[in-house]
Amino acid sequence: MTRQQSAVFEHVFHANYVLVRRYAERRVPSAALAEDIAAETFTAAWVRYQQGDSIELPWLYRVASNKINDHFRSAERKRAVEETLERVLSEQEEGADTLEKIALGRSLLKLTDREREAILLTYWEGLGAAEVAVALSCSVASAWAILSRARKKLRVLMGEPFVAGMTDGGRK
């Protein structure tokens, strides 16, 4: 990319950043989130510009709107997962005490969606690796890798040291 092209994009950025940020501020609950949305919008604009496409304010607003919608969908999914985990953990009759259940719930939320789903399918739904693979639309080897990574993360998050070769109690 030439200096002139970079200068053109820089002009587009300076002319529109505040407008896009304010657009986001009117639609999201915090200024910090609005700044993140504006940054993500201009990241997408940079990619578009590098592909030779023009960047105009209406397009920037559309991208910002999509980023805002993505944020709210993600927040709704997280809230649904939190509520489900809370319900599932409260339904357990025996085993962990309340503090352990809270720690487990918080730890599960720190996993990726696929890792959390692999754990829940294995331990709450009682599925084996082949069935988890089908549910996650991946190979059995990938399901095992996801589950292994999730178990390791959970051990660390729950304060248990990871020991290679440690058995997990999950069905194979």
C-alpha atoms as a PDB file:
ATOM      1  CA  MET A   1       0.000   0.000   0.000  1.00  0.00           C
ATOM      2  CA  THR A   2       1.353   3.399  -0.909  1.00  0.00           C
ATOM      3  CA  ARG A   3       1.666   6.386   1.396  1.00  0.00           C
ATOM      4  CA  GLN A   4      -0.998   8.154  -0.600  1.00  0.00           C
ATOM      5  CA  GLN A   5      -3.434   5.258  -0.104  1.00  0.00           C
ATOM      6  CA  SER A   6      -2.647   5.184   3.615  1.00  0.00           C
ATOM      7  CA  ALA A   7      -3.204   8.940   3.777  1.00  0.00           C
ATOM      8  CA  VAL A   8      -6.583   8.564   2.057  1.00  0.00           C
ATOM      9  CA  PHE A   9      -7.672   5.932   4.587  1.00  0.00           C
ATOM     10  CA  GLU A  10      -6.369   8.058   7.430  1.00  0.00           C
ATOM     11  CA  HIS A  11      -8.511  10.939   6.152  1.00  0.00           C
ATOM     12  CA  VAL A  12     -11.581   8.660   6.013  1.00  0.00           C
ATOM     13  CA  PHE A  13     -10.814   7.510   9.556  1.00  0.00           C
ATOM     14  CA  HIS A  14     -10.416  11.013  10.981  1.00  0.00           C
ATOM     15  CA  ALA A  15     -13.492  12.311   9.160  1.00  0.00           C
ATOM     16  CA  ASN A  16     -15.757   9.482  10.357  1.00  0.00           C
ATOM     17  CA  TYR A  17     -14.443   7.927  13.582  1.00  0.00           C
ATOM     18  CA  VAL A  18     -16.271  10.303  15.925  1.00  0.00           C
ATOM     19  CA  LEU A  19     -19.498   9.897  13.938  1.00  0.00           C
ATOM     20  CA  VAL A  20     -19.299   6.112  14.117  1.00  0.00           C
ATOM     21  CA  ARG A  21     -18.380   6.168  17.821  1.00  0.00           C
ATOM     22  CA  ARG A  22     -21.315   8.471  18.612  1.00  0.00           C
ATOM     23  CA  TYR A  23     -23.609   6.247  16.543  1.00  0.00           C
ATOM     24  CA  ALA A  24     -22.521   3.314  18.692  1.00  0.00           C
ATOM     25  CA  GLU A  25     -22.737   5.307  21.955  1.00  0.00           C
ATOM     26  CA  ARG A  26     -26.428   5.933  21.312  1.00  0.00           C
ATOM     27  CA  ARG A  27     -27.021   2.196  20.971  1.00  0.00           C
ATOM     28  CA  VAL A  28     -24.832   0.464  23.566  1.00  0.00           C
ATOM     29  CA  PRO A  29     -24.644   0.747  27.360  1.00  0.00           C
ATOM     30  CA  SER A  30     -21.101   2.103  27.721  1.00  0.00           C
ATOM     31  CA  ALA A  31     -18.644   4.462  26.069  1.00  0.00           C
ATOM     32  CA  ALA A  32     -15.930   1.797  26.253  1.00  0.00           C
ATOM     33  CA  LEU A  33     -18.102  -0.636  24.300  1.00  0.00           C
ATOM     34  CA  ALA A  34     -18.891   2.098  21.752  1.00  0.00           C
ATOM     35  CA  GLU A  35     -15.155   2.666  21.275  1.00  0.00           C
ATOM     36  CA  ASP A  36     -14.631  -1.075  20.781  1.00  0.00           C
ATOM     37  CA  ILE A  37     -17.406  -1.140  18.181  1.00  0.00           C
ATOM     38  CA  ALA A  38     -15.923   1.839  16.363  1.00  0.00           C
ATOM     39  CA  ALA A  39     -12.499   0.177  16.379  1.00  0.00           C
ATOM     40  CA  GLU A  40     -13.941  -3.071  15.013  1.00  0.00           C
ATOM     41  CA  THR A  41     -15.824  -1.091  12.369  1.00  0.00           C
ATOM     42  CA  PHE A  42     -12.668   0.628  11.174  1.00  0.00           C
ATOM     43  CA  THR A  43     -10.774  -2.664  11.216  1.00  0.00           C
ATOM     44  CA  ALA A  44     -13.379  -3.995   8.782  1.00  0.00           C
ATOM     45  CA  ALA A  45     -13.101  -0.742   6.804  1.00  0.00           C
ATOM     46  CA  TRP A  46      -9.324  -1.159   6.534  1.00  0.00           C
ATOM     47  CA  VAL A  47      -9.759  -4.668   5.125  1.00  0.00           C
ATOM     48  CA  ARG A  48     -12.348  -3.396   2.652  1.00  0.00           C
ATOM     49  CA  TYR A  49     -10.124  -0.483   1.650  1.00  0.00           C
ATOM     50  CA  GLN A  50      -7.138  -2.789   1.081  1.00  0.00           C
ATOM     51  CA  GLN A  51      -9.336  -4.800  -1.295  1.00  0.00           C
ATOM     52  CA  GLY A  52      -9.841  -1.645  -3.354  1.00  0.00           C
ATOM     53  CA  ASP A  53     -13.374  -0.833  -2.252  1.00  0.00           C
ATOM     54  CA  SER A  54     -14.466   2.632  -1.192  1.00  0.00           C
ATOM     55  CA  ILE A  55     -15.454   3.470   2.355  1.00  0.00           C
ATOM     56  CA  GLU A  56     -18.465   5.689   2.872  1.00  0.00           C
ATOM     57  CA  LEU A  57     -20.302   6.721   6.028  1.00  0.00           C
ATOM     58  CA  PRO A  58     -23.510   4.727   5.345  1.00  0.00           C
ATOM     59  CA  TRP A  59     -21.405   1.586   4.906  1.00  0.00           C
ATOM     60  CA  LEU A  60     -19.581   2.352   8.175  1.00  0.00           C
ATOM     61  CA  TYR A  61     -22.937   2.735   9.967  1.00  0.00           C
ATOM     62  CA  ARG A  62     -24.108  -0.612   8.579  1.00  0.00           C
ATOM     63  CA  VAL A  63     -20.927  -2.323   9.785  1.00  0.00           C
ATOM     64  CA  ALA A  64     -21.243  -0.662  13.195  1.00  0.00           C
ATOM     65  CA  SER A  65     -24.871  -1.784  13.384  1.00  0.00           C
ATOM     66  CA  ASN A  66     -23.823  -5.355  12.600  1.00  0.00           C
ATOM     67  CA  LYS A  67     -21.087  -5.193  15.268  1.00  0.00           C
ATOM     68  CA  ILE A  68     -23.622  -3.907  17.805  1.00  0.00           C
ATOM     69  CA  ASN A  69     -26.027  -6.713  16.911  1.00  0.00           C
ATOM     70  CA  ASP A  70     -23.195  -9.242  17.236  1.00  0.00           C
ATOM     71  CA  HIS A  71     -22.430  -7.874  20.699  1.00  0.00           C
ATOM     72  CA  PHE A  72     -26.032  -8.179  21.878  1.00  0.00           C
ATOM     73  CA  ARG A  73     -26.402 -11.683  20.426  1.00  0.00           C
ATOM     74  CA  SER A  74     -23.201 -12.706  22.197  1.00  0.00           C
ATOM     75  CA  ALA A  75     -24.400 -11.136  25.452  1.00  0.00           C
ATOM     76  CA  GLU A  76     -27.747 -12.956  25.127  1.00  0.00           C
ATOM     77  CA  ARG A  77     -25.970 -16.272  24.524  1.00  0.00           C
ATOM     78  CA  LYS A  78     -23.729 -15.692  27.526  1.00  0.00           C
ATOM     79  CA  ARG A  79     -26.721 -14.802  29.700  1.00  0.00           C
ATOM     80  CA  ALA A  80     -28.563 -17.928  28.516  1.00  0.00           C
ATOM     81  CA  VAL A  81     -25.523 -20.085  29.258  1.00  0.00           C
ATOM     82  CA  GLU A  82     -25.158 -18.506  32.712  1.00  0.00           C
ATOM     83  CA  GLU A  83     -28.833 -19.142  33.501  1.00  0.00           C
ATOM     84  CA  THR A  84     -28.636 -22.713  32.237  1.00  0.00           C
ATOM     85  CA  LEU A  85     -25.464 -23.425  34.192  1.00  0.00           C
ATOM     86  CA  GLU A  86     -26.991 -21.948  37.311  1.00  0.00           C
ATOM     87  CA  ARG A  87     -30.081 -24.128  36.904  1.00  0.00           C
ATOM     88  CA  VAL A  88     -28.104 -27.288  36.101  1.00  0.00           C
ATOM     89  CA  LEU A  89     -25.708 -26.762  38.983  1.00  0.00           C
ATOM     90  CA  SER A  90     -28.567 -26.130  41.402  1.00  0.00           C
ATOM     91  CA  GLU A  91     -30.279 -29.350  40.255  1.00  0.00           C
ATOM     92  CA  GLN A  92     -27.337 -31.502  41.310  1.00  0.00           C
ATOM     93  CA  GLU A  93     -28.474 -33.318  44.415  1.00  0.00           C
ATOM     94  CA  GLU A  94     -25.154 -34.603  45.693  1.00  0.00           C
ATOM     95  CA  GLY A  95     -21.516 -33.772  45.252  1.00  0.00           C
ATOM     96  CA  ALA A  96     -20.148 -30.291  45.226  1.00  0.00           C
ATOM     97  CA  ASP A  97     -21.077 -27.717  47.832  1.00  0.00           C
ATOM     98  CA  THR A  98     -22.470 -24.311  46.853  1.00  0.00           C
ATOM     99  CA  LEU A  99     -19.078 -22.588  46.602  1.00  0.00           C
ATOM    100  CA  GLU A 100     -17.728 -25.369  44.382  1.00  0.00           C
ATOM    101  CA  LYS A 101     -20.804 -25.101  42.164  1.00  0.00           C
ATOM    102  CA  ILE A 102     -20.307 -21.344  41.837  1.00  0.00           C
ATOM    103  CA  ALA A 103     -16.614 -21.834  41.015  1.00  0.00           C
ATOM    104  CA  LEU A 104     -17.468 -24.505  38.444  1.00  0.00           C
ATOM    105  CA  GLY A 105     -20.106 -22.274  36.830  1.00  0.00           C
ATOM    106  CA  ARG A 106     -17.703 -19.349  36.590  1.00  0.00           C
ATOM    107  CA  SER A 107     -14.963 -21.589  35.246  1.00  0.00           C
ATOM    108  CA  LEU A 108     -17.259 -23.034  32.583  1.00  0.00           C
ATOM    109  CA  LEU A 109     -18.071 -19.512  31.413  1.00  0.00           C
ATOM    110  CA  LYS A 110     -14.368 -18.891  30.763  1.00  0.00           C
ATOM    111  CA  LEU A 111     -14.190 -21.756  28.272  1.00  0.00           C
ATOM    112  CA  THR A 112     -14.900 -21.245  24.589  1.00  0.00           C
ATOM    113  CA  ASP A 113     -18.418 -22.113  23.434  1.00  0.00           C
ATOM    114  CA  ARG A 114     -17.195 -25.387  21.872  1.00  0.00           C
ATOM    115  CA  GLU A 115     -15.186 -26.383  24.943  1.00  0.00           C
ATOM    116  CA  ARG A 116     -18.122 -25.667  27.257  1.00  0.00           C
ATOM    117  CA  GLU A 117     -20.489 -27.585  24.994  1.00  0.00           C
ATOM    118  CA  ALA A 118     -18.097 -30.569  24.888  1.00  0.00           C
ATOM    119  CA  ILE A 119     -17.925 -30.625  28.705  1.00  0.00           C
ATOM    120  CA  LEU A 120     -21.689 -30.295  29.117  1.00  0.00           C
ATOM    121  CA  LEU A 121     -22.442 -32.942  26.488  1.00  0.00           C
ATOM    122  CA  THR A 122     -19.968 -35.345  28.089  1.00  0.00           C
ATOM    123  CA  TYR A 123     -20.683 -34.869  31.773  1.00  0.00           C
ATOM    124  CA  TRP A 124     -24.258 -33.595  31.937  1.00  0.00           C
ATOM    125  CA  GLU A 125     -25.734 -35.375  28.938  1.00  0.00           C
ATOM    126  CA  GLY A 126     -23.564 -38.499  29.243  1.00  0.00           C
ATOM    127  CA  LEU A 127     -22.492 -38.603  25.592  1.00  0.00           C
ATOM    128  CA  GLY A 128     -19.403 -40.434  24.393  1.00  0.00           C
ATOM    129  CA  ALA A 129     -16.756 -38.894  22.154  1.00  0.00           C
ATOM    130  CA  ALA A 130     -18.373 -40.118  18.911  1.00  0.00           C
ATOM    131  CA  GLU A 131     -21.700 -38.598  19.934  1.00  0.00           C
ATOM    132  CA  VAL A 132     -20.047 -35.340  21.023  1.00  0.00           C
ATOM    133  CA  ALA A 133     -18.316 -35.229  17.628  1.00  0.00           C
ATOM    134  CA  VAL A 134     -21.684 -35.467  15.872  1.00  0.00           C
ATOM    135  CA  ALA A 135     -23.194 -32.778  18.112  1.00  0.00           C
ATOM    136  CA  LEU A 136     -20.231 -30.450  17.476  1.00  0.00           C
ATOM    137  CA  SER A 137     -19.986 -31.286  13.753  1.00  0.00           C
ATOM    138  CA  CYS A 138     -16.376 -32.382  13.974  1.00  0.00           C
ATOM    139  CA  SER A 139     -14.299 -35.555  13.861  1.00  0.00           C
ATOM    140  CA  VAL A 140     -13.984 -37.830  16.879  1.00  0.00           C
ATOM    141  CA  ALA A 141     -10.308 -36.840  17.140  1.00  0.00           C
ATOM    142  CA  SER A 142     -11.297 -33.150  17.196  1.00  0.00           C
ATOM    143  CA  ALA A 143     -13.951 -33.827  19.823  1.00  0.00           C
ATOM    144  CA  TRP A 144     -11.326 -35.532  21.990  1.00  0.00           C
ATOM    145  CA  ALA A 145      -8.933 -32.620  21.498  1.00  0.00           C
ATOM    146  CA  ILE A 146     -11.619 -30.068  22.403  1.00  0.00           C
ATOM    147  CA  LEU A 147     -12.662 -32.073  25.457  1.00  0.00           C
ATOM    148  CA  SER A 148      -9.062 -32.592  26.565  1.00  0.00           C
ATOM    149  CA  ARG A 149      -8.296 -28.885  26.231  1.00  0.00           C
ATOM    150  CA  ALA A 150     -11.485 -27.998  28.114  1.00  0.00           C
ATOM    151  CA  ARG A 151     -10.672 -30.407  30.947  1.00  0.00           C
ATOM    152  CA  LYS A 152      -7.185 -28.996  31.265  1.00  0.00           C
ATOM    153  CA  LYS A 153      -8.500 -25.418  31.371  1.00  0.00           C
ATOM    154  CA  LEU A 154     -11.128 -26.372  33.950  1.00  0.00           C
ATOM    155  CA  ARG A 155      -8.499 -27.973  36.184  1.00  0.00           C
ATOM    156  CA  VAL A 156      -6.428 -24.784  36.070  1.00  0.00           C
ATOM    157  CA  LEU A 157      -9.453 -22.536  36.572  1.00  0.00           C
ATOM    158  CA  MET A 158     -10.658 -24.651  39.486  1.00  0.00           C
ATOM    159  CA  GLY A 159      -7.205 -24.512  41.083  1.00  0.00           C
ATOM    160  CA  GLU A 160      -6.242 -28.117  40.448  1.00  0.00           C
ATOM    161  CA  PRO A 161      -2.838 -28.723  38.890  1.00  0.00           C
ATOM    162  CA  PHE A 162      -2.819 -30.442  35.511  1.00  0.00           C
ATOM    163  CA  VAL A 163      -1.161 -33.839  35.620  1.00  0.00           C
ATOM    164  CA  ALA A 164      -0.429 -35.531  32.296  1.00  0.00           C
ATOM    165  CA  GLY A 165      -2.239 -38.844  31.980  1.00  0.00           C
ATOM    166  CA  MET A 166      -4.747 -37.979  34.709  1.00  0.00           C
ATOM    167  CA  THR A 167      -8.044 -39.792  34.164  1.00  0.00           C
ATOM    168  CA  ASP A 168     -11.150 -37.704  33.712  1.00  0.00           C
ATOM    169  CA  GLY A 169     -14.067 -39.944  34.350  1.00  0.00           C
ATOM    170  CA  GLY A 170     -15.648 -39.038  31.004  1.00  0.00           C
ATOM    171  CA  ARG A 171     -16.996 -41.800  28.775  1.00  0.00           C
ATOM    172  CA  LYS A 172     -14.952 -42.800  25.794  1.00  0.00           C
END
